[in-house]
Amino acid sequence: MRLKSLPQGPRDAITDVQGIRVGHWTNRRAGTGCTVVLCEGSTFAAADARGGAPGTRELATLDPANVEQTCHAILLSGGSAFGLSAADGVMRALEERGVGFTTATGPVPIVPGAVIYDLGLGKATVRPGPDEGYRAATTAKGGRVAEGSVGAGTGATVAKVAGPENIVKGGVGTASVSTPEGVVVGALAVVNAIGVITEPTTGEVVAGARGKPGRFLGLEESLRARAAFIASKMENTTLVVVATNASLGHGQMQRLAYQAHNGIARTILPAHTSGDGDTTFAVSMGTVEVQPQDFVTIGLMVTL
């Protein structure tokens, strides 16, 4: 497998990985929402939290040292820790269809999740809960994925380093790459970072604190402007779900979850701060056989 100029998938979305479906619930008036990635046929899944202020659920379930090997859906939500309850609705939607970990009394869906803090943007008393998670799960589909201020990205903002008066909008984004051998890697991100967003190949700031008209401030300028402000802030997070059709083992998926943080660090300055809850998930649908030496290439694809 060669890593040259890799083409995008047909939709340039995580749903280019066969079997992956995405659903959003959005409340624009309240400035919040949730996003569900359904991966019912996955073979292995893993997760990794690197930020100093994560809000997560069921991450330990995906540890390769534990019994359960995968999950049936992943929840990404606004609402801070309150938003984790939306996973209950995702579980209900899956249970109704008989999807879950097999037990003597029936299926138990495995739904890990992570949240962003968006309570300061809209109406803080309105948060995604079980009903909203249920709606996102039951409307999930393949094909094109809505991006921007939707789902978990509805209340997301970035470039908080220069103070709340200079922030710009974050949101949901998705992309995919593929190889001639048929391996597809797709990603979906919810970006609510304290840092500025850069184009990794040039270093250009594409979303930063607002400076003079038509210009974003870089990281150093932002820090000089409001260093005292950001010192106490723990209201930021970037969440990423990476999916592939490559047939990989559980330990390899854990490694991909680790490597997905490289992609965060390439584009967000700074990342993984004590005030961020940066968390990644990695899921294998296991439909394309690969050679052991191909794993390095797949890992590089994840960082793109």
C-alpha atoms as a PDB file:
ATOM      1  CA  MET A   1       0.000   0.000   0.000  1.00  0.00           C
ATOM      2  CA  ARG A   2       1.436   3.358  -1.061  1.00  0.00           C
ATOM      3  CA  LEU A   3       0.733   6.752   0.460  1.00  0.00           C
ATOM      4  CA  LYS A   4       0.968   9.323  -2.309  1.00  0.00           C
ATOM      5  CA  SER A   5      -1.748  11.815  -3.169  1.00  0.00           C
ATOM      6  CA  LEU A   6      -4.736  10.009  -1.727  1.00  0.00           C
ATOM      7  CA  PRO A   7      -8.132  10.757  -3.267  1.00  0.00           C
ATOM      8  CA  GLN A   8     -11.149  11.733  -1.243  1.00  0.00           C
ATOM      9  CA  GLY A   9     -14.039   9.333  -0.933  1.00  0.00           C
ATOM     10  CA  PRO A  10     -17.103   9.998  -3.121  1.00  0.00           C
ATOM     11  CA  ARG A  11     -18.789  12.043  -0.364  1.00  0.00           C
ATOM     12  CA  ASP A  12     -15.598  13.165   1.418  1.00  0.00           C
ATOM     13  CA  ALA A  13     -17.314  12.036   4.617  1.00  0.00           C
ATOM     14  CA  ILE A  14     -17.053   9.402   7.320  1.00  0.00           C
ATOM     15  CA  THR A  15     -20.011   7.664   5.672  1.00  0.00           C
ATOM     16  CA  ASP A  16     -17.706   6.660   2.809  1.00  0.00           C
ATOM     17  CA  VAL A  17     -16.810   3.816   5.175  1.00  0.00           C
ATOM     18  CA  GLN A  18     -19.483   1.243   4.426  1.00  0.00           C
ATOM     19  CA  GLY A  19     -21.780   0.612   7.387  1.00  0.00           C
ATOM     20  CA  ILE A  20     -21.264   3.989   9.063  1.00  0.00           C
ATOM     21  CA  ARG A  21     -24.331   6.206   9.496  1.00  0.00           C
ATOM     22  CA  VAL A  22     -24.618   9.657  11.044  1.00  0.00           C
ATOM     23  CA  GLY A  23     -27.562  11.454  12.631  1.00  0.00           C
ATOM     24  CA  HIS A  24     -27.890  14.925  14.149  1.00  0.00           C
ATOM     25  CA  TRP A  25     -30.303  16.586  16.544  1.00  0.00           C
ATOM     26  CA  THR A  26     -30.043  20.386  16.400  1.00  0.00           C
ATOM     27  CA  ASN A  27     -31.570  23.182  18.483  1.00  0.00           C
ATOM     28  CA  ARG A  28     -30.316  26.427  16.972  1.00  0.00           C
ATOM     29  CA  ARG A  29     -32.359  28.645  19.262  1.00  0.00           C
ATOM     30  CA  ALA A  30     -30.747  27.128  22.364  1.00  0.00           C
ATOM     31  CA  GLY A  31     -27.380  26.752  20.635  1.00  0.00           C
ATOM     32  CA  THR A  32     -26.838  23.064  21.288  1.00  0.00           C
ATOM     33  CA  GLY A  33     -27.280  19.603  19.795  1.00  0.00           C
ATOM     34  CA  CYS A  34     -25.935  16.079  19.545  1.00  0.00           C
ATOM     35  CA  THR A  35     -24.512  13.813  16.855  1.00  0.00           C
ATOM     36  CA  VAL A  36     -24.679  10.021  16.718  1.00  0.00           C
ATOM     37  CA  VAL A  37     -22.350   7.819  14.673  1.00  0.00           C
ATOM     38  CA  LEU A  38     -23.912   4.383  14.205  1.00  0.00           C
ATOM     39  CA  CYS A  39     -21.397   1.561  13.687  1.00  0.00           C
ATOM     40  CA  GLU A  40     -23.476  -1.534  14.424  1.00  0.00           C
ATOM     41  CA  GLY A  41     -21.389  -3.906  12.345  1.00  0.00           C
ATOM     42  CA  SER A  42     -18.027  -2.815  13.710  1.00  0.00           C
ATOM     43  CA  THR A  43     -15.477  -5.438  14.698  1.00  0.00           C
ATOM     44  CA  PHE A  44     -13.269  -3.403  17.054  1.00  0.00           C
ATOM     45  CA  ALA A  45     -13.381   0.067  18.579  1.00  0.00           C
ATOM     46  CA  ALA A  46     -11.148   2.090  20.878  1.00  0.00           C
ATOM     47  CA  ALA A  47     -10.949   5.546  22.437  1.00  0.00           C
ATOM     48  CA  ASP A  48      -8.398   7.928  23.909  1.00  0.00           C
ATOM     49  CA  ALA A  49      -8.866  11.109  25.973  1.00  0.00           C
ATOM     50  CA  ARG A  50      -5.861  13.439  25.958  1.00  0.00           C
ATOM     51  CA  GLY A  51      -7.342  16.737  27.100  1.00  0.00           C
ATOM     52  CA  GLY A  52      -7.177  17.723  30.753  1.00  0.00           C
ATOM     53  CA  ALA A  53     -10.931  18.315  31.133  1.00  0.00           C
ATOM     54  CA  PRO A  54     -12.772  15.460  29.380  1.00  0.00           C
ATOM     55  CA  GLY A  55     -16.450  14.641  29.730  1.00  0.00           C
ATOM     56  CA  THR A  56     -16.871  11.028  28.640  1.00  0.00           C
ATOM     57  CA  ARG A  57     -18.911   7.863  29.028  1.00  0.00           C
ATOM     58  CA  GLU A  58     -18.026   4.166  28.621  1.00  0.00           C
ATOM     59  CA  LEU A  59     -14.452   4.750  27.442  1.00  0.00           C
ATOM     60  CA  ALA A  60     -13.118   2.028  29.735  1.00  0.00           C
ATOM     61  CA  THR A  61     -15.405  -0.447  27.973  1.00  0.00           C
ATOM     62  CA  LEU A  62     -13.318  -0.052  24.816  1.00  0.00           C
ATOM     63  CA  ASP A  63      -9.972  -0.723  26.501  1.00  0.00           C
ATOM     64  CA  PRO A  64      -8.311  -3.689  24.720  1.00  0.00           C
ATOM     65  CA  ALA A  65      -7.624  -5.202  28.160  1.00  0.00           C
ATOM     66  CA  ASN A  66     -11.360  -5.556  28.816  1.00  0.00           C
ATOM     67  CA  VAL A  67     -13.968  -8.037  27.581  1.00  0.00           C
ATOM     68  CA  GLU A  68     -16.053  -5.925  25.201  1.00  0.00           C
ATOM     69  CA  GLN A  69     -14.322  -5.405  21.858  1.00  0.00           C
ATOM     70  CA  THR A  70     -16.447  -2.838  20.084  1.00  0.00           C
ATOM     71  CA  CYS A  71     -19.460  -0.554  20.281  1.00  0.00           C
ATOM     72  CA  HIS A  72     -22.720  -0.098  18.413  1.00  0.00           C
ATOM     73  CA  ALA A  73     -22.830   3.703  18.306  1.00  0.00           C
ATOM     74  CA  ILE A  74     -20.839   6.715  19.463  1.00  0.00           C
ATOM     75  CA  LEU A  75     -22.450   9.820  20.932  1.00  0.00           C
ATOM     76  CA  LEU A  76     -20.956  13.292  20.525  1.00  0.00           C
ATOM     77  CA  SER A  77     -22.972  15.914  22.365  1.00  0.00           C
ATOM     78  CA  GLY A  78     -23.243  19.475  23.522  1.00  0.00           C
ATOM     79  CA  GLY A  79     -24.539  20.291  26.970  1.00  0.00           C
ATOM     80  CA  SER A  80     -21.353  19.541  28.887  1.00  0.00           C
ATOM     81  CA  ALA A  81     -21.749  16.609  31.314  1.00  0.00           C
ATOM     82  CA  PHE A  82     -25.538  16.953  31.116  1.00  0.00           C
ATOM     83  CA  GLY A  83     -25.346  15.918  27.461  1.00  0.00           C
ATOM     84  CA  LEU A  84     -24.024  12.462  28.296  1.00  0.00           C
ATOM     85  CA  SER A  85     -27.593  11.434  29.130  1.00  0.00           C
ATOM     86  CA  ALA A  86     -28.398  11.575  25.398  1.00  0.00           C
ATOM     87  CA  ALA A  87     -26.641   8.211  25.121  1.00  0.00           C
ATOM     88  CA  ASP A  88     -29.571   6.657  27.005  1.00  0.00           C
ATOM     89  CA  GLY A  89     -31.811   7.554  24.086  1.00  0.00           C
ATOM     90  CA  VAL A  90     -29.337   6.096  21.611  1.00  0.00           C
ATOM     91  CA  MET A  91     -29.380   2.866  23.619  1.00  0.00           C
ATOM     92  CA  ARG A  92     -33.178   2.837  23.528  1.00  0.00           C
ATOM     93  CA  ALA A  93     -33.203   3.251  19.744  1.00  0.00           C
ATOM     94  CA  LEU A  94     -30.746   0.381  19.300  1.00  0.00           C
ATOM     95  CA  GLU A  95     -32.546  -1.874  21.784  1.00  0.00           C
ATOM     96  CA  GLU A  96     -35.791  -1.432  19.850  1.00  0.00           C
ATOM     97  CA  ARG A  97     -34.035  -2.924  16.823  1.00  0.00           C
ATOM     98  CA  GLY A  98     -32.435  -5.760  18.776  1.00  0.00           C
ATOM     99  CA  VAL A  99     -28.926  -4.315  18.508  1.00  0.00           C
ATOM    100  CA  GLY A 100     -26.481  -4.776  21.355  1.00  0.00           C
ATOM    101  CA  PHE A 101     -24.113  -6.962  23.322  1.00  0.00           C
ATOM    102  CA  THR A 102     -25.786 -10.363  23.645  1.00  0.00           C
ATOM    103  CA  THR A 103     -26.909 -11.333  27.142  1.00  0.00           C
ATOM    104  CA  ALA A 104     -29.277 -13.948  28.539  1.00  0.00           C
ATOM    105  CA  THR A 105     -32.030 -11.358  28.960  1.00  0.00           C
ATOM    106  CA  GLY A 106     -31.581  -9.476  25.702  1.00  0.00           C
ATOM    107  CA  PRO A 107     -29.243  -7.116  23.865  1.00  0.00           C
ATOM    108  CA  VAL A 108     -27.374  -4.373  25.732  1.00  0.00           C
ATOM    109  CA  PRO A 109     -26.183  -1.644  23.329  1.00  0.00           C
ATOM    110  CA  ILE A 110     -22.688  -0.293  23.952  1.00  0.00           C
ATOM    111  CA  VAL A 111     -22.702   3.477  23.394  1.00  0.00           C
ATOM    112  CA  PRO A 112     -19.596   5.384  24.488  1.00  0.00           C
ATOM    113  CA  GLY A 113     -19.669   9.126  24.186  1.00  0.00           C
ATOM    114  CA  ALA A 114     -18.042  12.466  24.852  1.00  0.00           C
ATOM    115  CA  VAL A 115     -19.275  16.025  25.229  1.00  0.00           C
ATOM    116  CA  ILE A 116     -18.320  19.616  24.571  1.00  0.00           C
ATOM    117  CA  TYR A 117     -19.080  22.624  26.744  1.00  0.00           C
ATOM    118  CA  ASP A 118     -21.498  24.913  24.888  1.00  0.00           C
ATOM    119  CA  LEU A 119     -23.581  26.199  27.807  1.00  0.00           C
ATOM    120  CA  GLY A 120     -22.272  29.742  27.465  1.00  0.00           C
ATOM    121  CA  LEU A 121     -23.438  30.334  23.889  1.00  0.00           C
ATOM    122  CA  GLY A 122     -27.217  29.863  23.940  1.00  0.00           C
ATOM    123  CA  LYS A 123     -29.730  28.808  26.580  1.00  0.00           C
ATOM    124  CA  ALA A 124     -27.772  26.899  29.211  1.00  0.00           C
ATOM    125  CA  THR A 125     -30.832  25.147  30.669  1.00  0.00           C
ATOM    126  CA  VAL A 126     -31.596  23.414  27.347  1.00  0.00           C
ATOM    127  CA  ARG A 127     -29.345  20.393  26.813  1.00  0.00           C
ATOM    128  CA  PRO A 128     -29.497  17.206  24.742  1.00  0.00           C
ATOM    129  CA  GLY A 129     -31.049  14.367  26.728  1.00  0.00           C
ATOM    130  CA  PRO A 130     -32.430  10.868  26.078  1.00  0.00           C
ATOM    131  CA  ASP A 131     -35.192  12.033  23.713  1.00  0.00           C
ATOM    132  CA  GLU A 132     -32.750  14.075  21.658  1.00  0.00           C
ATOM    133  CA  GLY A 133     -30.268  11.210  21.483  1.00  0.00           C
ATOM    134  CA  TYR A 134     -33.093   8.935  20.353  1.00  0.00           C
ATOM    135  CA  ARG A 135     -34.024  11.328  17.541  1.00  0.00           C
ATOM    136  CA  ALA A 136     -30.442  11.593  16.342  1.00  0.00           C
ATOM    137  CA  ALA A 137     -30.078   7.809  16.330  1.00  0.00           C
ATOM    138  CA  THR A 138     -33.369   7.092  14.568  1.00  0.00           C
ATOM    139  CA  THR A 139     -32.655   9.631  11.819  1.00  0.00           C
ATOM    140  CA  ALA A 140     -29.069   8.492  11.206  1.00  0.00           C
ATOM    141  CA  LYS A 141     -28.296   7.590   7.611  1.00  0.00           C
ATOM    142  CA  GLY A 142     -25.489   7.026   5.162  1.00  0.00           C
ATOM    143  CA  GLY A 143     -24.735   9.402   2.308  1.00  0.00           C
ATOM    144  CA  ARG A 144     -23.860  13.040   2.710  1.00  0.00           C
ATOM    145  CA  VAL A 145     -23.359  14.370   6.224  1.00  0.00           C
ATOM    146  CA  ALA A 146     -24.568  17.808   7.298  1.00  0.00           C
ATOM    147  CA  GLU A 147     -21.645  19.951   8.462  1.00  0.00           C
ATOM    148  CA  GLY A 148     -21.171  23.248  10.258  1.00  0.00           C
ATOM    149  CA  SER A 149     -23.497  24.455  13.008  1.00  0.00           C
ATOM    150  CA  VAL A 150     -25.447  21.235  13.319  1.00  0.00           C
ATOM    151  CA  GLY A 151     -25.687  18.457  15.891  1.00  0.00           C
ATOM    152  CA  ALA A 152     -22.966  18.539  18.499  1.00  0.00           C
ATOM    153  CA  GLY A 153     -21.361  21.441  16.655  1.00  0.00           C
ATOM    154  CA  THR A 154     -24.347  23.780  16.985  1.00  0.00           C
ATOM    155  CA  GLY A 155     -22.893  25.643  19.955  1.00  0.00           C
ATOM    156  CA  ALA A 156     -19.224  25.038  19.208  1.00  0.00           C
ATOM    157  CA  THR A 157     -16.819  27.971  19.079  1.00  0.00           C
ATOM    158  CA  VAL A 158     -13.065  28.265  18.567  1.00  0.00           C
ATOM    159  CA  ALA A 159     -10.194  30.667  19.200  1.00  0.00           C
ATOM    160  CA  LYS A 160     -11.223  31.538  22.740  1.00  0.00           C
ATOM    161  CA  VAL A 161      -7.609  32.414  23.545  1.00  0.00           C
ATOM    162  CA  ALA A 162      -8.261  36.118  22.973  1.00  0.00           C
ATOM    163  CA  GLY A 163     -11.406  36.346  25.084  1.00  0.00           C
ATOM    164  CA  PRO A 164     -15.121  35.761  24.484  1.00  0.00           C
ATOM    165  CA  GLU A 165     -15.595  38.944  22.466  1.00  0.00           C
ATOM    166  CA  ASN A 166     -13.251  37.629  19.752  1.00  0.00           C
ATOM    167  CA  ILE A 167     -14.362  34.005  19.341  1.00  0.00           C
ATOM    168  CA  VAL A 168     -15.495  32.594  16.013  1.00  0.00           C
ATOM    169  CA  LYS A 169     -17.826  29.744  15.193  1.00  0.00           C
ATOM    170  CA  GLY A 170     -16.718  26.117  15.301  1.00  0.00           C
ATOM    171  CA  GLY A 171     -18.849  23.139  14.349  1.00  0.00           C
ATOM    172  CA  VAL A 172     -18.946  19.683  12.788  1.00  0.00           C
ATOM    173  CA  GLY A 173     -16.724  18.649   9.894  1.00  0.00           C
ATOM    174  CA  THR A 174     -16.103  15.387   8.095  1.00  0.00           C
ATOM    175  CA  ALA A 175     -13.715  14.035   5.452  1.00  0.00           C
ATOM    176  CA  SER A 176     -12.363  10.799   3.996  1.00  0.00           C
ATOM    177  CA  VAL A 177      -9.406   9.426   2.046  1.00  0.00           C
ATOM    178  CA  SER A 178      -8.964   6.137   0.207  1.00  0.00           C
ATOM    179  CA  THR A 179      -6.239   4.007  -1.360  1.00  0.00           C
ATOM    180  CA  PRO A 180      -6.158   2.178  -4.707  1.00  0.00           C
ATOM    181  CA  GLU A 181      -6.388  -1.071  -2.724  1.00  0.00           C
ATOM    182  CA  GLY A 182      -9.818  -0.083  -1.422  1.00  0.00           C
ATOM    183  CA  VAL A 183      -8.959   0.974   2.126  1.00  0.00           C
ATOM    184  CA  VAL A 184     -11.066   3.919   3.269  1.00  0.00           C
ATOM    185  CA  VAL A 185     -10.457   6.079   6.331  1.00  0.00           C
ATOM    186  CA  GLY A 186     -13.110   8.606   7.291  1.00  0.00           C
ATOM    187  CA  ALA A 187     -13.314  11.071  10.147  1.00  0.00           C
ATOM    188  CA  LEU A 188     -15.905  13.275  11.788  1.00  0.00           C
ATOM    189  CA  ALA A 189     -14.866  16.061  14.165  1.00  0.00           C
ATOM    190  CA  VAL A 190     -16.630  18.442  16.514  1.00  0.00           C
ATOM    191  CA  VAL A 191     -14.344  21.438  16.998  1.00  0.00           C
ATOM    192  CA  ASN A 192     -14.875  23.561  20.112  1.00  0.00           C
ATOM    193  CA  ALA A 193     -11.238  24.398  20.774  1.00  0.00           C
ATOM    194  CA  ILE A 194      -9.657  27.089  22.891  1.00  0.00           C
ATOM    195  CA  GLY A 195      -6.982  27.339  20.209  1.00  0.00           C
ATOM    196  CA  VAL A 196      -6.785  28.696  16.682  1.00  0.00           C
ATOM    197  CA  ILE A 197      -7.363  26.497  13.633  1.00  0.00           C
ATOM    198  CA  THR A 198      -4.608  26.296  11.047  1.00  0.00           C
ATOM    199  CA  GLU A 199      -4.046  24.797   7.616  1.00  0.00           C
ATOM    200  CA  PRO A 200      -1.368  22.246   8.565  1.00  0.00           C
ATOM    201  CA  THR A 201       0.632  22.315   5.347  1.00  0.00           C
ATOM    202  CA  THR A 202       1.053  26.109   5.308  1.00  0.00           C
ATOM    203  CA  GLY A 203       0.463  27.163   8.913  1.00  0.00           C
ATOM    204  CA  GLU A 204      -2.128  29.702   7.772  1.00  0.00           C
ATOM    205  CA  VAL A 205      -4.718  30.561  10.427  1.00  0.00           C
ATOM    206  CA  VAL A 206      -8.120  29.706   8.939  1.00  0.00           C
ATOM    207  CA  ALA A 207     -10.180  30.318  12.095  1.00  0.00           C
ATOM    208  CA  GLY A 208      -8.709  32.479  14.809  1.00  0.00           C
ATOM    209  CA  ALA A 209      -9.556  35.290  17.164  1.00  0.00           C
ATOM    210  CA  ARG A 210     -10.820  38.277  15.242  1.00  0.00           C
ATOM    211  CA  GLY A 211      -8.237  40.968  14.667  1.00  0.00           C
ATOM    212  CA  LYS A 212      -8.349  43.793  12.149  1.00  0.00           C
ATOM    213  CA  PRO A 213     -11.031  43.476   9.447  1.00  0.00           C
ATOM    214  CA  GLY A 214     -10.307  40.473   7.250  1.00  0.00           C
ATOM    215  CA  ARG A 215      -7.591  39.118   9.512  1.00  0.00           C
ATOM    216  CA  PHE A 216      -7.396  36.422  12.185  1.00  0.00           C
ATOM    217  CA  LEU A 217      -4.984  36.655  15.094  1.00  0.00           C
ATOM    218  CA  GLY A 218      -2.370  33.931  15.419  1.00  0.00           C
ATOM    219  CA  LEU A 219      -1.765  32.040  18.634  1.00  0.00           C
ATOM    220  CA  GLU A 220       1.024  34.253  19.989  1.00  0.00           C
ATOM    221  CA  GLU A 221      -0.934  37.449  19.345  1.00  0.00           C
ATOM    222  CA  SER A 222      -3.987  35.959  21.038  1.00  0.00           C
ATOM    223  CA  LEU A 223      -1.998  34.849  24.061  1.00  0.00           C
ATOM    224  CA  ARG A 224      -0.479  38.277  24.503  1.00  0.00           C
ATOM    225  CA  ALA A 225      -3.925  39.810  24.337  1.00  0.00           C
ATOM    226  CA  ARG A 226      -5.682  37.645  26.918  1.00  0.00           C
ATOM    227  CA  ALA A 227      -3.296  35.320  28.764  1.00  0.00           C
ATOM    228  CA  ALA A 228      -4.989  35.983  32.111  1.00  0.00           C
ATOM    229  CA  PHE A 229      -8.406  35.147  30.675  1.00  0.00           C
ATOM    230  CA  ILE A 230      -7.563  31.697  29.352  1.00  0.00           C
ATOM    231  CA  ALA A 231      -5.681  30.568  32.432  1.00  0.00           C
ATOM    232  CA  SER A 232      -8.871  29.535  34.231  1.00  0.00           C
ATOM    233  CA  LYS A 233     -10.976  28.297  31.315  1.00  0.00           C
ATOM    234  CA  MET A 234     -12.049  24.649  31.088  1.00  0.00           C
ATOM    235  CA  GLU A 235     -14.808  25.005  28.513  1.00  0.00           C
ATOM    236  CA  ASN A 236     -13.197  23.639  25.347  1.00  0.00           C
ATOM    237  CA  THR A 237     -12.958  20.324  23.546  1.00  0.00           C
ATOM    238  CA  THR A 238     -12.361  18.714  20.157  1.00  0.00           C
ATOM    239  CA  LEU A 239     -14.012  15.344  19.569  1.00  0.00           C
ATOM    240  CA  VAL A 240     -13.049  13.040  16.690  1.00  0.00           C
ATOM    241  CA  VAL A 241     -14.450   9.751  15.396  1.00  0.00           C
ATOM    242  CA  VAL A 242     -12.219   7.899  12.923  1.00  0.00           C
ATOM    243  CA  ALA A 243     -13.621   4.936  11.006  1.00  0.00           C
ATOM    244  CA  THR A 244     -12.026   2.527   8.546  1.00  0.00           C
ATOM    245  CA  ASN A 245     -13.077  -0.488   6.529  1.00  0.00           C
ATOM    246  CA  ALA A 246      -9.665  -2.098   7.120  1.00  0.00           C
ATOM    247  CA  SER A 247      -9.727  -5.323   9.114  1.00  0.00           C
ATOM    248  CA  LEU A 248      -7.581  -4.472  12.132  1.00  0.00           C
ATOM    249  CA  GLY A 249      -7.171  -5.872  15.634  1.00  0.00           C
ATOM    250  CA  HIS A 250      -8.248  -4.257  18.878  1.00  0.00           C
ATOM    251  CA  GLY A 251      -4.733  -3.155  19.797  1.00  0.00           C
ATOM    252  CA  GLN A 252      -4.301  -1.618  16.362  1.00  0.00           C
ATOM    253  CA  MET A 253      -7.540   0.334  16.771  1.00  0.00           C
ATOM    254  CA  GLN A 254      -6.266   1.657  20.085  1.00  0.00           C
ATOM    255  CA  ARG A 255      -3.158   2.829  18.272  1.00  0.00           C
ATOM    256  CA  LEU A 256      -5.328   4.593  15.655  1.00  0.00           C
ATOM    257  CA  ALA A 257      -7.205   6.373  18.447  1.00  0.00           C
ATOM    258  CA  TYR A 258      -3.832   7.566  19.728  1.00  0.00           C
ATOM    259  CA  GLN A 259      -2.716   8.674  16.276  1.00  0.00           C
ATOM    260  CA  ALA A 260      -5.919  10.595  15.632  1.00  0.00           C
ATOM    261  CA  HIS A 261      -4.668  13.065  18.227  1.00  0.00           C
ATOM    262  CA  ASN A 262      -1.789  13.833  15.841  1.00  0.00           C
ATOM    263  CA  GLY A 263      -4.377  15.189  13.429  1.00  0.00           C
ATOM    264  CA  ILE A 264      -5.775  17.421  16.173  1.00  0.00           C
ATOM    265  CA  ALA A 265      -2.312  18.685  17.067  1.00  0.00           C
ATOM    266  CA  ARG A 266      -1.470  19.419  13.409  1.00  0.00           C
ATOM    267  CA  THR A 267      -4.429  21.760  12.997  1.00  0.00           C
ATOM    268  CA  ILE A 268      -5.272  23.246  16.412  1.00  0.00           C
ATOM    269  CA  LEU A 269      -2.851  25.483  18.325  1.00  0.00           C
ATOM    270  CA  PRO A 270      -2.732  24.764  21.196  1.00  0.00           C
ATOM    271  CA  ALA A 271      -4.349  21.331  21.603  1.00  0.00           C
ATOM    272  CA  HIS A 272      -4.651  18.975  24.585  1.00  0.00           C
ATOM    273  CA  THR A 273      -4.520  21.762  27.150  1.00  0.00           C
ATOM    274  CA  SER A 274      -5.698  21.417  30.748  1.00  0.00           C
ATOM    275  CA  GLY A 275      -8.835  23.265  29.666  1.00  0.00           C
ATOM    276  CA  ASP A 276      -9.651  20.978  26.716  1.00  0.00           C
ATOM    277  CA  GLY A 277     -11.376  17.599  26.796  1.00  0.00           C
ATOM    278  CA  ASP A 278      -9.901  16.389  23.495  1.00  0.00           C
ATOM    279  CA  THR A 279     -11.096  12.819  22.907  1.00  0.00           C
ATOM    280  CA  THR A 280     -10.846  10.457  19.931  1.00  0.00           C
ATOM    281  CA  PHE A 281     -12.658   7.274  18.936  1.00  0.00           C
ATOM    282  CA  ALA A 282     -11.524   4.729  16.324  1.00  0.00           C
ATOM    283  CA  VAL A 283     -13.816   2.124  14.747  1.00  0.00           C
ATOM    284  CA  SER A 284     -13.083  -0.723  12.318  1.00  0.00           C
ATOM    285  CA  MET A 285     -15.847  -2.148  10.138  1.00  0.00           C
ATOM    286  CA  GLY A 286     -13.460  -4.949   9.157  1.00  0.00           C
ATOM    287  CA  THR A 287     -14.587  -5.496   5.568  1.00  0.00           C
ATOM    288  CA  VAL A 288     -11.233  -5.091   3.750  1.00  0.00           C
ATOM    289  CA  GLU A 289      -8.316  -7.391   4.519  1.00  0.00           C
ATOM    290  CA  VAL A 290      -4.934  -5.687   4.778  1.00  0.00           C
ATOM    291  CA  GLN A 291      -1.350  -6.804   5.217  1.00  0.00           C
ATOM    292  CA  PRO A 292       0.489  -6.220   8.524  1.00  0.00           C
ATOM    293  CA  GLN A 293       2.810  -3.696   6.883  1.00  0.00           C
ATOM    294  CA  ASP A 294      -0.196  -1.650   5.733  1.00  0.00           C
ATOM    295  CA  PHE A 295      -0.993  -0.577   9.276  1.00  0.00           C
ATOM    296  CA  VAL A 296       1.679   2.132   9.233  1.00  0.00           C
ATOM    297  CA  THR A 297       0.099   3.663   6.137  1.00  0.00           C
ATOM    298  CA  ILE A 298      -3.375   3.541   7.674  1.00  0.00           C
ATOM    299  CA  GLY A 299      -2.008   5.299  10.735  1.00  0.00           C
ATOM    300  CA  LEU A 300      -0.614   8.053   8.532  1.00  0.00           C
ATOM    301  CA  MET A 301      -3.999   8.383   6.821  1.00  0.00           C
ATOM    302  CA  VAL A 302      -5.598   8.978  10.216  1.00  0.00           C
ATOM    303  CA  THR A 303      -3.338  11.975  10.889  1.00  0.00           C
ATOM    304  CA  LEU A 304      -4.297  13.721   7.645  1.00  0.00           C
END
